Structure formats: structure tokens, C-alpha cells
Amino acid sequence: MSLTKRGGASGILRVNLNWNARPAGAPQGGGGFLKRLTGGGGGGSIDLDLAALYEYTDGSKGVVQALGNAFRDTRRGEAITWLDGDDRSGTNSGGENLFVNLAHVSEIRRILVFAFIYQGVPNWAAADGVVTLYPASGPEIEVRLDEHDPRSPMCAIAMIENTGGELSVNREVRYIQGSQAELDRQYGWGMNWTAGRK
């Protein structure tokens, strides 16, 4: 889908992720108040994270994600790509939001929006995740994450790409059996990865 032709290649593009952290039939995580307070009583809860790989025309590239507290790109000055926070519960009605400032469209080469299951058994169908892209103008784009393969904790959702000045969004929905490093390998980002934590 061409954002440029639909008039959506300006302003702020918002990408929203919402999911069900407590799927029906999931254990409710007993173990007492102290265990829950220290994070040990997660039971069957699922924590999804929204993130993006970015590559800009100046050759800079990186990742925006809650893991490692990388909530914005490393660009000096005003960020092009950033996250508003980390919803670990799945109960925040606003979910998680990723923003892309399309005022800098000429500086964008490509941005890969992805999500991963940070906590809980990889069960996309039970999490009932939905990602919605909201251009500043034009129709929204909704992508449902309903894969049943429990071996894939990572999902490439959409590629935002600038080709000759025309900005487009391509639906990917590719489930990856591996970490961000495997996602990188499959999309040819060419970065070095180390383990991170929240």
C-alpha cells in the first residue's frame, strides 16, 4: 500500500499493538502476594513487545524496543522512530505505540515493524494480538497476529519502505523461530546482537 498516493506520507504514523495478556484457560499464577510482587507469579500471562528495526539514508541503523531501554532511535536531535512505553500487563487499553515521524520521510530507507513474546509461552493465537497502523490521513491498516506455531516467538509485521521518494507499507506477517538476531538475518539488516533485558 502506497502511503504517498493515499496522502498518508506526512505527519506522525502511529503503530498500535493490543493483546490479551490472560488468555482463557491460562493459569492465574498463585504463589502468594510476595511472589506476585517480585514477578514470580506470572503463571500463564503473556507479555508482547512492539518494536522496529530502522535504516536511514545516512547509513545509520538500529532497533527501537523496550528491551535494553532502546525507546528511540539513536539519531541526534528529533527522533524519527520511537516507542511511548512498555505495557507489560496487556491490560492497558491504549496498548503499546510506536511512532514514525514522516516529516523526515526523505531520511527513511526502511523500517521493519515487529513484535515478540517477551514473557510466556509463544502462543500468538491465545494472545489475540492486533497491530493497527494509523497514518496521519487516509485509512488505517489492521494486522491480526493469530499464528498457532508455538516455536515462533518473533513476528515481522510490516515493512515501511521509501523507494524513489514514494513511501509504502508492505504487510509481512512472518513468524520467526528465533530472536532479533534471526529476524535481522532474514531481512539483511547486518547488525551485531547481544542479549538484553528489561
N, C-alpha and C. Protein backbone atom coordinates (compact mmCIF):
# COMPACT_ATOMS: atom_id res chain seq x y z
N MET A 1 0.84 -1.18 0.00
CA MET A 1 0.00 0.00 0.00
C MET A 1 0.89 1.24 0.00
N SER A 2 0.63 2.15 -0.94
CA SER A 2 1.41 3.38 -1.02
C SER A 2 0.82 4.43 -0.09
N LEU A 3 1.58 4.83 0.92
CA LEU A 3 1.13 5.92 1.80
C LEU A 3 1.17 7.24 1.06
N THR A 4 2.14 7.38 0.15
CA THR A 4 2.27 8.62 -0.60
C THR A 4 1.03 8.87 -1.45
N LYS A 5 0.57 7.86 -2.19
CA LYS A 5 -0.60 8.02 -3.06
C LYS A 5 -1.89 8.21 -2.27
N ARG A 6 -1.93 7.68 -1.05
CA ARG A 6 -3.12 7.82 -0.21
C ARG A 6 -3.07 9.06 0.68
N GLY A 7 -2.03 9.85 0.53
CA GLY A 7 -1.93 11.08 1.30
C GLY A 7 -1.51 10.87 2.74
N GLY A 8 -0.94 9.69 3.05
CA GLY A 8 -0.57 9.38 4.43
C GLY A 8 0.92 9.44 4.71
N ALA A 9 1.69 10.04 3.77
CA ALA A 9 3.15 10.07 3.93
C ALA A 9 3.62 11.38 4.57
N SER A 10 2.87 11.88 5.52
CA SER A 10 3.26 13.08 6.25
C SER A 10 2.73 12.97 7.67
N GLY A 11 3.15 13.90 8.53
CA GLY A 11 2.69 13.86 9.91
C GLY A 11 3.31 12.70 10.67
N ILE A 12 2.59 12.22 11.68
CA ILE A 12 3.08 11.12 12.52
C ILE A 12 2.28 9.85 12.22
N LEU A 13 3.00 8.79 11.88
CA LEU A 13 2.38 7.48 11.71
C LEU A 13 2.43 6.79 13.07
N ARG A 14 1.26 6.37 13.57
CA ARG A 14 1.22 5.65 14.85
C ARG A 14 0.93 4.18 14.58
N VAL A 15 1.71 3.31 15.21
CA VAL A 15 1.51 1.86 15.11
C VAL A 15 1.15 1.37 16.50
N ASN A 16 -0.03 0.77 16.64
CA ASN A 16 -0.53 0.34 17.95
C ASN A 16 -0.60 -1.18 18.04
N LEU A 17 -0.15 -1.72 19.19
CA LEU A 17 -0.26 -3.15 19.48
C LEU A 17 -1.14 -3.35 20.70
N ASN A 18 -2.16 -4.17 20.57
CA ASN A 18 -3.00 -4.57 21.70
C ASN A 18 -3.10 -6.08 21.72
N TRP A 19 -3.19 -6.66 22.93
CA TRP A 19 -3.30 -8.12 23.06
C TRP A 19 -3.97 -8.48 24.36
N ASN A 20 -4.28 -9.77 24.48
CA ASN A 20 -4.88 -10.31 25.70
C ASN A 20 -3.79 -11.02 26.51
N ALA A 21 -3.40 -10.41 27.62
CA ALA A 21 -2.31 -10.96 28.43
C ALA A 21 -2.72 -12.20 29.21
N ARG A 22 -4.01 -12.38 29.45
CA ARG A 22 -4.51 -13.52 30.22
C ARG A 22 -5.48 -14.32 29.36
N PRO A 23 -4.98 -15.13 28.45
CA PRO A 23 -5.87 -15.93 27.60
C PRO A 23 -6.75 -16.84 28.43
N ALA A 24 -7.93 -17.14 27.92
CA ALA A 24 -8.85 -18.05 28.61
C ALA A 24 -8.16 -19.38 28.85
N GLY A 25 -8.31 -19.91 30.09
CA GLY A 25 -7.72 -21.20 30.42
C GLY A 25 -6.29 -21.13 30.90
N ALA A 26 -5.69 -19.91 30.87
CA ALA A 26 -4.31 -19.79 31.34
C ALA A 26 -4.29 -19.84 32.86
N PRO A 27 -3.25 -20.44 33.45
CA PRO A 27 -3.16 -20.45 34.90
C PRO A 27 -3.10 -19.03 35.44
N GLN A 28 -3.70 -18.81 36.60
CA GLN A 28 -3.78 -17.46 37.11
C GLN A 28 -2.65 -17.08 38.05
N GLY A 29 -1.64 -17.92 38.15
CA GLY A 29 -0.41 -17.55 38.83
C GLY A 29 -0.55 -17.34 40.31
N GLY A 30 -0.67 -18.39 41.06
CA GLY A 30 -0.73 -18.28 42.51
C GLY A 30 0.65 -18.07 43.09
N GLY A 31 0.85 -18.54 44.31
CA GLY A 31 2.17 -18.43 44.90
C GLY A 31 2.28 -17.34 45.93
N GLY A 32 1.17 -16.64 46.20
CA GLY A 32 1.20 -15.63 47.25
C GLY A 32 1.55 -14.25 46.75
N PHE A 33 1.22 -13.26 47.59
CA PHE A 33 1.41 -11.86 47.23
C PHE A 33 2.87 -11.53 46.96
N LEU A 34 3.78 -11.99 47.82
CA LEU A 34 5.19 -11.65 47.66
C LEU A 34 5.74 -12.18 46.33
N LYS A 35 5.35 -13.38 45.98
CA LYS A 35 5.83 -13.97 44.72
C LYS A 35 5.32 -13.16 43.53
N ARG A 36 4.04 -12.75 43.59
CA ARG A 36 3.50 -11.94 42.50
C ARG A 36 4.17 -10.58 42.46
N LEU A 37 4.46 -10.01 43.63
CA LEU A 37 5.07 -8.69 43.72
C LEU A 37 6.46 -8.69 43.10
N THR A 38 7.18 -9.78 43.28
CA THR A 38 8.54 -9.87 42.74
C THR A 38 8.58 -10.43 41.33
N GLY A 39 7.39 -10.64 40.75
CA GLY A 39 7.35 -11.09 39.36
C GLY A 39 7.41 -12.57 39.19
N GLY A 40 7.36 -13.34 40.27
CA GLY A 40 7.49 -14.79 40.15
C GLY A 40 6.18 -15.49 39.96
N GLY A 41 5.07 -14.74 40.00
CA GLY A 41 3.76 -15.39 39.88
C GLY A 41 3.10 -15.11 38.56
N GLY A 42 3.88 -15.08 37.49
CA GLY A 42 3.33 -14.71 36.19
C GLY A 42 2.36 -15.72 35.64
N GLY A 43 2.49 -16.98 36.06
CA GLY A 43 1.56 -18.01 35.60
C GLY A 43 1.55 -18.08 34.08
N GLY A 44 0.34 -18.00 33.53
CA GLY A 44 0.20 -18.13 32.08
C GLY A 44 0.12 -16.80 31.37
N SER A 45 0.52 -15.70 32.02
CA SER A 45 0.40 -14.39 31.38
C SER A 45 1.38 -14.27 30.22
N ILE A 46 1.00 -13.46 29.24
CA ILE A 46 1.81 -13.25 28.05
C ILE A 46 2.15 -11.77 27.94
N ASP A 47 3.43 -11.47 27.72
CA ASP A 47 3.89 -10.09 27.54
C ASP A 47 4.41 -9.95 26.11
N LEU A 48 3.66 -9.22 25.29
CA LEU A 48 4.11 -8.93 23.93
C LEU A 48 4.81 -7.58 23.91
N ASP A 49 5.80 -7.44 23.05
CA ASP A 49 6.50 -6.17 22.87
C ASP A 49 6.45 -5.75 21.41
N LEU A 50 6.17 -4.48 21.20
CA LEU A 50 6.19 -3.88 19.87
C LEU A 50 7.57 -3.27 19.66
N ALA A 51 8.12 -3.38 18.46
CA ALA A 51 9.48 -2.89 18.21
C ALA A 51 9.65 -2.60 16.73
N ALA A 52 10.82 -2.06 16.37
CA ALA A 52 11.11 -1.79 14.96
C ALA A 52 12.61 -1.80 14.72
N LEU A 53 13.00 -2.36 13.58
CA LEU A 53 14.34 -2.18 13.05
C LEU A 53 14.27 -0.98 12.11
N TYR A 54 15.26 -0.09 12.17
CA TYR A 54 15.24 1.06 11.26
C TYR A 54 16.56 1.15 10.51
N GLU A 55 16.48 1.69 9.30
CA GLU A 55 17.66 2.00 8.49
C GLU A 55 17.38 3.32 7.79
N TYR A 56 18.25 4.30 7.99
CA TYR A 56 18.06 5.62 7.42
C TYR A 56 19.01 5.85 6.25
N THR A 57 18.75 6.87 5.47
CA THR A 57 19.51 7.10 4.23
C THR A 57 20.96 7.50 4.50
N ASP A 58 21.26 7.94 5.74
CA ASP A 58 22.65 8.28 6.07
C ASP A 58 23.46 7.05 6.45
N GLY A 59 22.83 5.87 6.37
CA GLY A 59 23.50 4.60 6.68
C GLY A 59 23.33 4.15 8.11
N SER A 60 22.76 4.99 8.96
CA SER A 60 22.55 4.58 10.36
C SER A 60 21.44 3.55 10.44
N LYS A 61 21.60 2.63 11.37
CA LYS A 61 20.60 1.59 11.56
C LYS A 61 20.58 1.18 13.02
N GLY A 62 19.47 0.58 13.47
CA GLY A 62 19.36 0.17 14.86
C GLY A 62 18.01 -0.43 15.14
N VAL A 63 17.71 -0.56 16.43
CA VAL A 63 16.45 -1.14 16.86
C VAL A 63 15.80 -0.22 17.89
N VAL A 64 14.50 -0.11 17.84
CA VAL A 64 13.71 0.60 18.85
C VAL A 64 12.87 -0.46 19.55
N GLN A 65 13.09 -0.63 20.86
CA GLN A 65 12.37 -1.65 21.62
C GLN A 65 12.54 -1.38 23.11
N ALA A 66 11.63 -1.94 23.92
CA ALA A 66 11.73 -1.78 25.37
C ALA A 66 12.95 -2.53 25.92
N LEU A 67 13.28 -3.65 25.29
CA LEU A 67 14.43 -4.44 25.71
C LEU A 67 15.69 -3.59 25.59
N GLY A 68 16.44 -3.48 26.67
CA GLY A 68 17.64 -2.65 26.66
C GLY A 68 17.35 -1.16 26.75
N ASN A 69 16.08 -0.81 27.04
CA ASN A 69 15.67 0.60 27.14
C ASN A 69 15.98 1.41 25.90
N ALA A 70 15.84 0.78 24.73
CA ALA A 70 16.08 1.47 23.46
C ALA A 70 14.76 2.02 22.93
N PHE A 71 14.21 3.01 23.65
CA PHE A 71 12.87 3.51 23.33
C PHE A 71 12.83 4.48 22.15
N ARG A 72 13.99 4.91 21.66
CA ARG A 72 14.01 5.79 20.49
C ARG A 72 15.25 5.49 19.66
N ASP A 73 15.24 5.96 18.43
CA ASP A 73 16.40 5.74 17.58
C ASP A 73 17.59 6.55 18.11
N THR A 74 18.76 6.31 17.55
CA THR A 74 19.97 6.96 18.05
C THR A 74 20.27 8.24 17.28
N ARG A 75 19.33 8.70 16.49
CA ARG A 75 19.52 9.93 15.70
C ARG A 75 19.70 11.13 16.62
N ARG A 76 20.61 12.00 16.30
CA ARG A 76 20.79 13.22 17.08
C ARG A 76 19.61 14.16 16.83
N GLY A 77 19.20 14.86 17.87
CA GLY A 77 18.07 15.77 17.72
C GLY A 77 16.75 15.03 17.77
N GLU A 78 15.81 15.46 16.96
CA GLU A 78 14.46 14.90 16.96
C GLU A 78 14.45 13.47 16.43
N ALA A 79 13.85 12.56 17.19
CA ALA A 79 13.79 11.16 16.76
C ALA A 79 12.85 11.00 15.56
N ILE A 80 13.15 10.01 14.74
CA ILE A 80 12.24 9.64 13.65
C ILE A 80 11.35 8.50 14.12
N THR A 81 11.92 7.54 14.85
CA THR A 81 11.19 6.36 15.31
C THR A 81 11.33 6.23 16.83
N TRP A 82 10.20 6.07 17.53
CA TRP A 82 10.25 5.93 18.99
C TRP A 82 9.03 5.19 19.52
N LEU A 83 9.19 4.65 20.74
CA LEU A 83 8.12 3.97 21.47
C LEU A 83 7.62 4.86 22.59
N ASP A 84 6.32 4.74 22.95
CA ASP A 84 5.80 5.55 24.05
C ASP A 84 5.96 4.88 25.40
N GLY A 85 6.31 3.59 25.44
CA GLY A 85 6.47 2.91 26.72
C GLY A 85 6.37 1.41 26.54
N ASP A 86 6.26 0.72 27.67
CA ASP A 86 6.23 -0.75 27.68
C ASP A 86 5.06 -1.21 28.54
N ASP A 87 4.03 -1.79 27.90
CA ASP A 87 2.89 -2.32 28.64
C ASP A 87 3.17 -3.79 28.94
N ARG A 88 3.59 -4.09 30.15
CA ARG A 88 3.95 -5.47 30.50
C ARG A 88 2.73 -6.31 30.85
N SER A 89 1.58 -5.66 31.07
CA SER A 89 0.41 -6.40 31.55
C SER A 89 -0.55 -6.79 30.45
N GLY A 90 -0.57 -6.03 29.35
CA GLY A 90 -1.57 -6.27 28.31
C GLY A 90 -2.93 -5.73 28.69
N THR A 91 -3.03 -5.07 29.85
CA THR A 91 -4.32 -4.56 30.31
C THR A 91 -4.49 -3.07 30.02
N ASN A 92 -3.43 -2.41 29.56
CA ASN A 92 -3.53 -1.00 29.21
C ASN A 92 -4.37 -0.88 27.95
N SER A 93 -5.49 -0.17 28.04
CA SER A 93 -6.42 -0.09 26.91
C SER A 93 -5.76 0.57 25.69
N GLY A 94 -4.71 1.37 25.95
CA GLY A 94 -4.00 2.01 24.84
C GLY A 94 -2.95 1.13 24.22
N GLY A 95 -2.64 -0.02 24.87
CA GLY A 95 -1.62 -0.93 24.36
C GLY A 95 -0.25 -0.28 24.31
N GLU A 96 0.56 -0.69 23.35
CA GLU A 96 1.87 -0.09 23.12
C GLU A 96 1.82 0.64 21.78
N ASN A 97 2.52 1.78 21.70
CA ASN A 97 2.50 2.58 20.49
C ASN A 97 3.91 2.89 20.02
N LEU A 98 4.13 2.68 18.72
CA LEU A 98 5.36 3.03 18.04
C LEU A 98 5.03 4.19 17.11
N PHE A 99 5.89 5.20 17.06
CA PHE A 99 5.64 6.37 16.23
C PHE A 99 6.75 6.55 15.21
N VAL A 100 6.36 6.98 14.00
CA VAL A 100 7.32 7.30 12.95
C VAL A 100 7.00 8.71 12.46
N ASN A 101 7.98 9.61 12.57
CA ASN A 101 7.78 11.00 12.15
C ASN A 101 8.04 11.11 10.65
N LEU A 102 6.97 11.22 9.88
CA LEU A 102 7.10 11.22 8.43
C LEU A 102 7.47 12.59 7.87
N ALA A 103 7.70 13.56 8.76
CA ALA A 103 8.27 14.83 8.32
C ALA A 103 9.69 14.59 7.82
N HIS A 104 10.28 13.47 8.25
CA HIS A 104 11.64 13.11 7.85
C HIS A 104 11.64 11.97 6.82
N VAL A 105 10.60 11.90 6.02
CA VAL A 105 10.44 10.77 5.10
C VAL A 105 11.65 10.62 4.17
N SER A 106 12.27 11.73 3.78
CA SER A 106 13.42 11.64 2.87
C SER A 106 14.63 10.99 3.53
N GLU A 107 14.63 10.91 4.87
CA GLU A 107 15.75 10.30 5.59
C GLU A 107 15.51 8.82 5.91
N ILE A 108 14.32 8.32 5.58
CA ILE A 108 13.98 6.92 5.87
C ILE A 108 14.28 6.04 4.67
N ARG A 109 15.04 4.98 4.89
CA ARG A 109 15.24 3.97 3.84
C ARG A 109 14.21 2.85 4.06
N ARG A 110 14.18 2.29 5.29
CA ARG A 110 13.20 1.26 5.59
C ARG A 110 13.07 1.11 7.11
N ILE A 111 11.88 0.72 7.53
CA ILE A 111 11.58 0.46 8.93
C ILE A 111 10.76 -0.82 8.98
N LEU A 112 11.25 -1.81 9.72
CA LEU A 112 10.54 -3.08 9.86
C LEU A 112 9.87 -3.11 11.23
N VAL A 113 8.56 -3.09 11.24
CA VAL A 113 7.79 -3.18 12.49
C VAL A 113 7.64 -4.65 12.85
N PHE A 114 7.95 -4.99 14.11
CA PHE A 114 7.81 -6.38 14.53
C PHE A 114 7.33 -6.44 15.97
N ALA A 115 6.92 -7.62 16.38
CA ALA A 115 6.51 -7.87 17.76
C ALA A 115 7.12 -9.18 18.20
N PHE A 116 7.33 -9.31 19.51
CA PHE A 116 7.85 -10.56 20.03
C PHE A 116 7.25 -10.84 21.40
N ILE A 117 7.19 -12.13 21.71
CA ILE A 117 6.67 -12.56 23.01
C ILE A 117 7.83 -12.56 23.98
N TYR A 118 7.86 -11.55 24.86
CA TYR A 118 8.95 -11.41 25.82
C TYR A 118 8.79 -12.38 26.98
N GLN A 119 7.54 -12.59 27.40
CA GLN A 119 7.27 -13.48 28.53
C GLN A 119 6.07 -14.35 28.22
N GLY A 120 6.12 -15.60 28.66
CA GLY A 120 5.01 -16.52 28.44
C GLY A 120 5.30 -17.45 27.28
N VAL A 121 4.54 -18.51 27.20
CA VAL A 121 4.69 -19.49 26.12
C VAL A 121 4.33 -18.83 24.79
N PRO A 122 5.15 -18.99 23.74
CA PRO A 122 4.81 -18.42 22.45
C PRO A 122 3.48 -18.96 21.93
N ASN A 123 2.43 -18.19 22.10
CA ASN A 123 1.09 -18.61 21.69
C ASN A 123 0.37 -17.39 21.14
N TRP A 124 0.63 -17.09 19.88
CA TRP A 124 0.06 -15.91 19.24
C TRP A 124 -1.45 -15.98 19.17
N ALA A 125 -1.97 -17.16 18.90
CA ALA A 125 -3.43 -17.30 18.77
C ALA A 125 -4.12 -16.96 20.08
N ALA A 126 -3.58 -17.43 21.21
CA ALA A 126 -4.19 -17.16 22.52
C ALA A 126 -4.05 -15.70 22.91
N ALA A 127 -2.91 -15.09 22.54
CA ALA A 127 -2.69 -13.69 22.88
C ALA A 127 -3.64 -12.76 22.12
N ASP A 128 -4.12 -13.23 20.95
CA ASP A 128 -5.10 -12.46 20.17
C ASP A 128 -4.59 -11.04 19.89
N GLY A 129 -3.32 -10.95 19.48
CA GLY A 129 -2.73 -9.64 19.23
C GLY A 129 -3.23 -9.02 17.94
N VAL A 130 -3.34 -7.71 17.95
CA VAL A 130 -3.71 -6.97 16.74
C VAL A 130 -2.86 -5.71 16.66
N VAL A 131 -2.29 -5.49 15.49
CA VAL A 131 -1.49 -4.29 15.24
C VAL A 131 -2.25 -3.43 14.24
N THR A 132 -2.39 -2.14 14.57
CA THR A 132 -3.10 -1.21 13.71
C THR A 132 -2.19 -0.03 13.39
N LEU A 133 -2.03 0.26 12.09
CA LEU A 133 -1.25 1.40 11.65
C LEU A 133 -2.20 2.56 11.37
N TYR A 134 -1.92 3.71 11.99
CA TYR A 134 -2.76 4.89 11.84
C TYR A 134 -1.96 6.00 11.16
N PRO A 135 -2.08 6.14 9.82
CA PRO A 135 -1.43 7.28 9.15
C PRO A 135 -2.10 8.57 9.60
N ALA A 136 -1.40 9.70 9.42
CA ALA A 136 -1.98 10.99 9.79
C ALA A 136 -3.25 11.27 8.99
N SER A 137 -3.31 10.73 7.79
CA SER A 137 -4.52 10.82 6.98
C SER A 137 -4.64 9.55 6.15
N GLY A 138 -5.86 9.24 5.74
CA GLY A 138 -6.09 8.02 4.99
C GLY A 138 -6.54 6.89 5.90
N PRO A 139 -6.88 5.74 5.32
CA PRO A 139 -7.42 4.62 6.09
C PRO A 139 -6.38 3.95 6.98
N GLU A 140 -6.83 3.42 8.12
CA GLU A 140 -5.95 2.65 8.99
C GLU A 140 -5.72 1.27 8.40
N ILE A 141 -4.65 0.62 8.85
CA ILE A 141 -4.29 -0.71 8.36
C ILE A 141 -4.22 -1.64 9.56
N GLU A 142 -5.02 -2.70 9.55
CA GLU A 142 -5.07 -3.62 10.69
C GLU A 142 -4.45 -4.96 10.32
N VAL A 143 -3.62 -5.48 11.23
CA VAL A 143 -2.97 -6.77 11.03
C VAL A 143 -3.20 -7.62 12.27
N ARG A 144 -3.79 -8.80 12.10
CA ARG A 144 -4.03 -9.70 13.23
C ARG A 144 -2.88 -10.70 13.34
N LEU A 145 -2.46 -10.95 14.58
CA LEU A 145 -1.37 -11.88 14.84
C LEU A 145 -1.96 -13.14 15.46
N ASP A 146 -2.25 -14.13 14.62
CA ASP A 146 -3.00 -15.30 15.10
C ASP A 146 -2.37 -16.64 14.72
N GLU A 147 -1.05 -16.63 14.56
CA GLU A 147 -0.33 -17.87 14.23
C GLU A 147 -0.44 -18.87 15.38
N HIS A 148 -0.47 -20.15 15.04
CA HIS A 148 -0.60 -21.19 16.06
C HIS A 148 0.70 -21.92 16.35
N ASP A 149 1.79 -21.58 15.64
CA ASP A 149 3.06 -22.27 15.81
C ASP A 149 3.73 -21.82 17.12
N PRO A 150 3.87 -22.71 18.12
CA PRO A 150 4.45 -22.33 19.41
C PRO A 150 5.98 -22.19 19.38
N ARG A 151 6.60 -22.43 18.24
CA ARG A 151 8.06 -22.35 18.14
C ARG A 151 8.55 -20.98 17.70
N SER A 152 7.62 -20.05 17.45
CA SER A 152 7.99 -18.77 16.86
C SER A 152 7.65 -17.60 17.78
N PRO A 153 8.61 -17.13 18.58
CA PRO A 153 8.34 -16.02 19.49
C PRO A 153 8.38 -14.65 18.82
N MET A 154 8.79 -14.60 17.56
CA MET A 154 9.01 -13.33 16.87
C MET A 154 8.12 -13.24 15.63
N CYS A 155 7.58 -12.03 15.35
CA CYS A 155 6.76 -11.86 14.15
C CYS A 155 7.10 -10.54 13.47
N ALA A 156 7.56 -10.62 12.22
CA ALA A 156 7.73 -9.42 11.39
C ALA A 156 6.35 -9.02 10.89
N ILE A 157 5.94 -7.79 11.16
CA ILE A 157 4.56 -7.38 10.89
C ILE A 157 4.42 -6.60 9.59
N ALA A 158 5.21 -5.54 9.45
CA ALA A 158 5.07 -4.68 8.27
C ALA A 158 6.38 -3.98 7.96
N MET A 159 6.65 -3.78 6.67
CA MET A 159 7.84 -3.06 6.23
C MET A 159 7.41 -1.72 5.65
N ILE A 160 7.95 -0.65 6.24
CA ILE A 160 7.73 0.70 5.73
C ILE A 160 8.97 1.04 4.92
N GLU A 161 8.79 1.35 3.64
CA GLU A 161 9.95 1.49 2.75
C GLU A 161 9.81 2.72 1.86
N ASN A 162 10.93 3.40 1.69
CA ASN A 162 10.99 4.57 0.81
C ASN A 162 11.69 4.16 -0.47
N THR A 163 10.95 4.15 -1.57
CA THR A 163 11.52 3.78 -2.86
C THR A 163 11.35 4.95 -3.82
N GLY A 164 12.45 5.63 -4.11
CA GLY A 164 12.40 6.76 -5.02
C GLY A 164 11.49 7.88 -4.54
N GLY A 165 11.42 8.06 -3.24
CA GLY A 165 10.59 9.14 -2.70
C GLY A 165 9.16 8.74 -2.40
N GLU A 166 8.79 7.51 -2.79
CA GLU A 166 7.43 7.02 -2.50
C GLU A 166 7.47 6.10 -1.29
N LEU A 167 6.68 6.44 -0.28
CA LEU A 167 6.65 5.66 0.95
C LEU A 167 5.53 4.64 0.88
N SER A 168 5.87 3.39 1.13
CA SER A 168 4.87 2.33 1.07
C SER A 168 4.94 1.46 2.32
N VAL A 169 3.84 0.77 2.60
CA VAL A 169 3.77 -0.19 3.69
C VAL A 169 3.45 -1.54 3.09
N ASN A 170 4.29 -2.53 3.37
CA ASN A 170 4.06 -3.90 2.90
C ASN A 170 3.75 -4.79 4.10
N ARG A 171 2.66 -5.52 4.01
CA ARG A 171 2.28 -6.47 5.06
C ARG A 171 3.22 -7.67 5.00
N GLU A 172 3.85 -8.01 6.13
CA GLU A 172 4.78 -9.13 6.17
C GLU A 172 4.14 -10.33 6.87
N VAL A 173 3.85 -10.21 8.14
CA VAL A 173 3.30 -11.28 8.99
C VAL A 173 4.08 -12.58 8.78
N ARG A 174 5.37 -12.51 9.07
CA ARG A 174 6.27 -13.67 9.01
C ARG A 174 6.68 -14.02 10.42
N TYR A 175 6.38 -15.25 10.83
CA TYR A 175 6.72 -15.71 12.17
C TYR A 175 8.12 -16.32 12.15
N ILE A 176 8.95 -15.88 13.09
CA ILE A 176 10.36 -16.23 13.09
C ILE A 176 10.68 -17.14 14.27
N GLN A 177 11.34 -18.26 13.99
CA GLN A 177 11.78 -19.18 15.05
C GLN A 177 13.16 -18.74 15.51
N GLY A 178 13.18 -17.76 16.40
CA GLY A 178 14.45 -17.24 16.88
C GLY A 178 14.29 -15.85 17.45
N SER A 179 15.41 -15.21 17.72
CA SER A 179 15.43 -13.90 18.36
C SER A 179 15.55 -12.78 17.33
N GLN A 180 15.83 -11.56 17.82
CA GLN A 180 16.03 -10.42 16.93
C GLN A 180 17.17 -10.67 15.95
N ALA A 181 18.18 -11.42 16.39
CA ALA A 181 19.31 -11.72 15.51
C ALA A 181 18.85 -12.52 14.29
N GLU A 182 17.92 -13.44 14.48
CA GLU A 182 17.40 -14.22 13.35
C GLU A 182 16.52 -13.36 12.45
N LEU A 183 15.74 -12.47 13.05
CA LEU A 183 14.94 -11.52 12.27
C LEU A 183 15.86 -10.66 11.41
N ASP A 184 16.91 -10.16 12.01
CA ASP A 184 17.91 -9.36 11.31
C ASP A 184 18.48 -10.15 10.13
N ARG A 185 18.85 -11.40 10.38
CA ARG A 185 19.44 -12.23 9.32
C ARG A 185 18.49 -12.40 8.14
N GLN A 186 17.22 -12.65 8.45
CA GLN A 186 16.25 -12.90 7.38
C GLN A 186 15.95 -11.65 6.56
N TYR A 187 16.12 -10.47 7.18
CA TYR A 187 15.84 -9.23 6.45
C TYR A 187 17.10 -8.46 6.06
N GLY A 188 18.27 -9.03 6.36
CA GLY A 188 19.53 -8.46 5.90
C GLY A 188 19.88 -7.11 6.50
N TRP A 189 19.65 -6.94 7.81
CA TRP A 189 19.98 -5.66 8.45
C TRP A 189 21.48 -5.56 8.75
N GLY A 190 22.10 -6.70 9.08
CA GLY A 190 23.55 -6.73 9.26
C GLY A 190 24.06 -6.09 10.53
N MET A 191 23.33 -6.26 11.65
CA MET A 191 23.79 -5.70 12.92
C MET A 191 24.32 -6.81 13.82
N ASN A 192 25.08 -6.41 14.84
CA ASN A 192 25.58 -7.35 15.85
C ASN A 192 24.66 -7.30 17.05
N TRP A 193 24.32 -8.47 17.61
CA TRP A 193 23.34 -8.54 18.68
C TRP A 193 23.94 -9.14 19.95
N THR A 194 23.53 -8.60 21.10
CA THR A 194 23.86 -9.18 22.39
C THR A 194 22.57 -9.32 23.18
N ALA A 195 22.58 -10.18 24.18
CA ALA A 195 21.37 -10.39 24.99
C ALA A 195 21.05 -9.13 25.78
N GLY A 196 19.74 -8.84 25.89
CA GLY A 196 19.29 -7.66 26.65
C GLY A 196 18.21 -8.05 27.62
N ARG A 197 17.88 -7.10 28.50
CA ARG A 197 16.81 -7.35 29.48
C ARG A 197 16.05 -6.05 29.74
N LYS A 198 14.86 -6.22 30.34
CA LYS A 198 14.04 -5.06 30.70
C LYS A 198 14.14 -4.84 32.20
